Amino acid sequence: DDACPATKGIAKYQGCPEMKDVLNKAMKGVFFETGSSKLKSESLPILNQLVQVMENNPDAKLTIDGHTDNTGDHDLNVKLSKERAEAVKAYLVSKGIAEDRMTTHGYGPDKPMDTNDTKEGRANNRRVEFSVN
């Protein structure tokens, strides 16, 4: 009866990982083509885990926030970050998660989690964050 045989989880969630763990992994595991909102295929395993967690928590509502580094035009970065959040939402909807369970925001470079002065810092700032409402 393991709903998530490929991942370590707990019995309470039919063998699936807890939502908090999946959300934390998703923040570091969702990738896009450079300058694009096209999801890279390496993002799909963690997004599929997120689908399973959402299915196991039917009352959960998800906020998806897109962020970029400060390289390039500010307005284009805000637009790109919104498009990336929307791309994640569209993927989840394509897997059966109700659209009205998710909201998206695009913050561009306005909420960095790290410095934009280093390559590593900029990479950390290019992310999608998830929170449960």
Protein backbone atom coordinates (compact mmCIF):
# COMPACT_ATOMS: atom_id res chain seq x y z
CA ASP A 1 0.00 0.00 0.00
CA ASP A 2 3.03 2.28 -0.35
CA ALA A 3 1.91 5.27 -2.44
CA CYS A 4 5.51 6.48 -2.82
CA PRO A 5 7.65 3.35 -3.32
CA ALA A 6 10.60 5.25 -4.77
CA THR A 7 11.01 7.56 -1.76
CA LYS A 8 11.48 7.15 1.95
CA GLY A 9 8.34 8.16 3.83
CA ILE A 10 6.16 7.40 6.81
CA ALA A 11 3.17 5.10 7.27
CA LYS A 12 0.85 7.98 8.22
CA TYR A 13 1.20 9.32 4.66
CA GLN A 14 1.02 5.94 2.88
CA GLY A 15 4.80 5.75 2.72
CA CYS A 16 5.20 9.26 1.31
CA PRO A 17 7.46 11.89 2.88
CA GLU A 18 6.01 14.63 5.03
CA MET A 19 4.98 17.83 3.27
CA LYS A 20 7.61 19.94 5.05
CA ASP A 21 10.42 17.67 3.81
CA VAL A 22 9.17 17.71 0.23
CA LEU A 23 8.74 21.49 0.24
CA ASN A 24 12.30 21.97 1.49
CA LYS A 25 13.67 19.62 -1.17
CA ALA A 26 11.57 21.26 -3.88
CA MET A 27 13.02 24.67 -3.08
CA LYS A 28 16.46 23.30 -3.99
CA GLY A 29 15.33 20.89 -6.69
CA VAL A 30 13.27 22.87 -9.20
CA PHE A 31 15.32 24.05 -12.18
CA PHE A 32 14.54 25.95 -15.38
CA GLU A 33 16.23 26.53 -18.69
CA THR A 34 18.37 29.69 -18.53
CA GLY A 35 16.29 32.84 -19.00
CA SER A 36 13.16 30.72 -19.44
CA SER A 37 10.20 29.34 -17.53
CA LYS A 38 10.66 25.90 -19.11
CA LEU A 39 11.11 23.29 -16.39
CA LYS A 40 14.18 21.09 -16.68
CA SER A 41 13.45 17.35 -16.60
CA GLU A 42 15.55 16.96 -13.45
CA SER A 43 12.82 18.93 -11.62
CA LEU A 44 10.10 16.38 -12.30
CA PRO A 45 10.91 13.79 -9.58
CA ILE A 46 10.57 16.32 -6.75
CA LEU A 47 7.50 17.88 -8.33
CA ASN A 48 5.95 14.42 -8.60
CA GLN A 49 6.63 13.93 -4.89
CA LEU A 50 4.89 17.26 -4.27
CA VAL A 51 1.89 15.98 -6.26
CA GLN A 52 1.72 12.92 -4.01
CA VAL A 53 1.96 15.02 -0.86
CA MET A 54 -0.79 17.34 -2.11
CA GLU A 55 -2.98 14.33 -2.91
CA ASN A 56 -2.40 13.00 0.61
CA ASN A 57 -3.31 16.40 2.11
CA PRO A 58 -6.46 17.39 0.18
CA ASP A 59 -7.15 20.44 2.36
CA ALA A 60 -3.69 21.94 1.88
CA LYS A 61 -3.33 25.07 -0.22
CA LEU A 62 0.04 25.90 -1.71
CA THR A 63 1.72 29.23 -2.38
CA ILE A 64 4.41 29.14 -5.06
CA ASP A 65 6.83 32.10 -5.05
CA GLY A 66 9.31 32.68 -7.86
CA HIS A 67 12.59 34.54 -7.30
CA THR A 68 15.58 35.54 -9.44
CA ASP A 69 18.98 37.05 -8.86
CA ASN A 70 19.62 40.71 -9.70
CA THR A 71 21.32 40.07 -13.06
CA GLY A 72 19.60 41.90 -15.91
CA ASP A 73 16.51 44.08 -16.12
CA HIS A 74 14.43 44.25 -12.93
CA ASP A 75 11.04 44.20 -14.65
CA LEU A 76 12.01 41.26 -16.85
CA ASN A 77 13.21 39.36 -13.77
CA VAL A 78 9.90 39.98 -12.00
CA LYS A 79 8.04 38.74 -15.09
CA LEU A 80 10.31 35.68 -15.38
CA SER A 81 9.90 34.80 -11.71
CA LYS A 82 6.11 34.95 -12.04
CA GLU A 83 6.22 32.81 -15.20
CA ARG A 84 8.37 30.23 -13.40
CA ALA A 85 5.96 30.04 -10.48
CA GLU A 86 3.11 29.67 -12.98
CA ALA A 87 5.01 26.90 -14.80
CA VAL A 88 5.29 24.93 -11.56
CA LYS A 89 1.58 25.46 -10.91
CA ALA A 90 0.72 24.35 -14.46
CA TYR A 91 2.76 21.17 -13.98
CA LEU A 92 0.96 20.37 -10.73
CA VAL A 93 -2.41 21.05 -12.37
CA SER A 94 -1.44 18.74 -15.26
CA LYS A 95 -0.94 16.01 -12.65
CA GLY A 96 -4.41 16.51 -11.15
CA ILE A 97 -3.93 19.08 -8.40
CA ALA A 98 -6.82 21.57 -8.44
CA GLU A 99 -5.80 24.99 -9.69
CA ASP A 100 -7.72 26.75 -6.92
CA ARG A 101 -5.47 25.09 -4.32
CA MET A 102 -2.48 27.13 -5.49
CA THR A 103 -1.50 30.78 -5.73
CA THR A 104 1.62 32.18 -7.35
CA HIS A 105 3.77 35.27 -6.96
CA GLY A 106 6.81 36.56 -8.80
CA TYR A 107 9.22 38.66 -6.78
CA GLY A 108 12.14 38.86 -9.19
CA PRO A 109 15.27 39.97 -7.31
CA ASP A 110 13.37 41.81 -4.56
CA LYS A 111 13.61 39.12 -1.84
CA PRO A 112 17.12 37.64 -2.02
CA MET A 113 18.06 34.91 0.42
CA ASP A 114 21.77 35.35 -0.24
CA THR A 115 24.20 37.89 -1.63
CA ASN A 116 24.12 38.72 -5.32
CA ASP A 117 27.87 39.45 -5.17
CA THR A 118 28.95 35.85 -5.80
CA LYS A 119 28.06 33.15 -8.30
CA GLU A 120 26.91 30.86 -5.49
CA GLY A 121 24.78 33.60 -3.92
CA ARG A 122 23.09 34.39 -7.22
CA ALA A 123 22.39 30.67 -7.73
CA ASN A 124 20.74 30.53 -4.29
CA ASN A 125 18.60 33.54 -5.15
CA ARG A 126 17.25 31.87 -8.30
CA ARG A 127 14.63 29.68 -6.69
CA VAL A 128 11.00 28.74 -6.28
CA GLU A 129 9.72 28.69 -2.72
CA PHE A 130 6.70 26.79 -1.49
CA SER A 131 4.55 27.37 1.56
CA VAL A 132 1.37 25.75 2.80
CA ASN A 133 -1.63 27.87 3.72
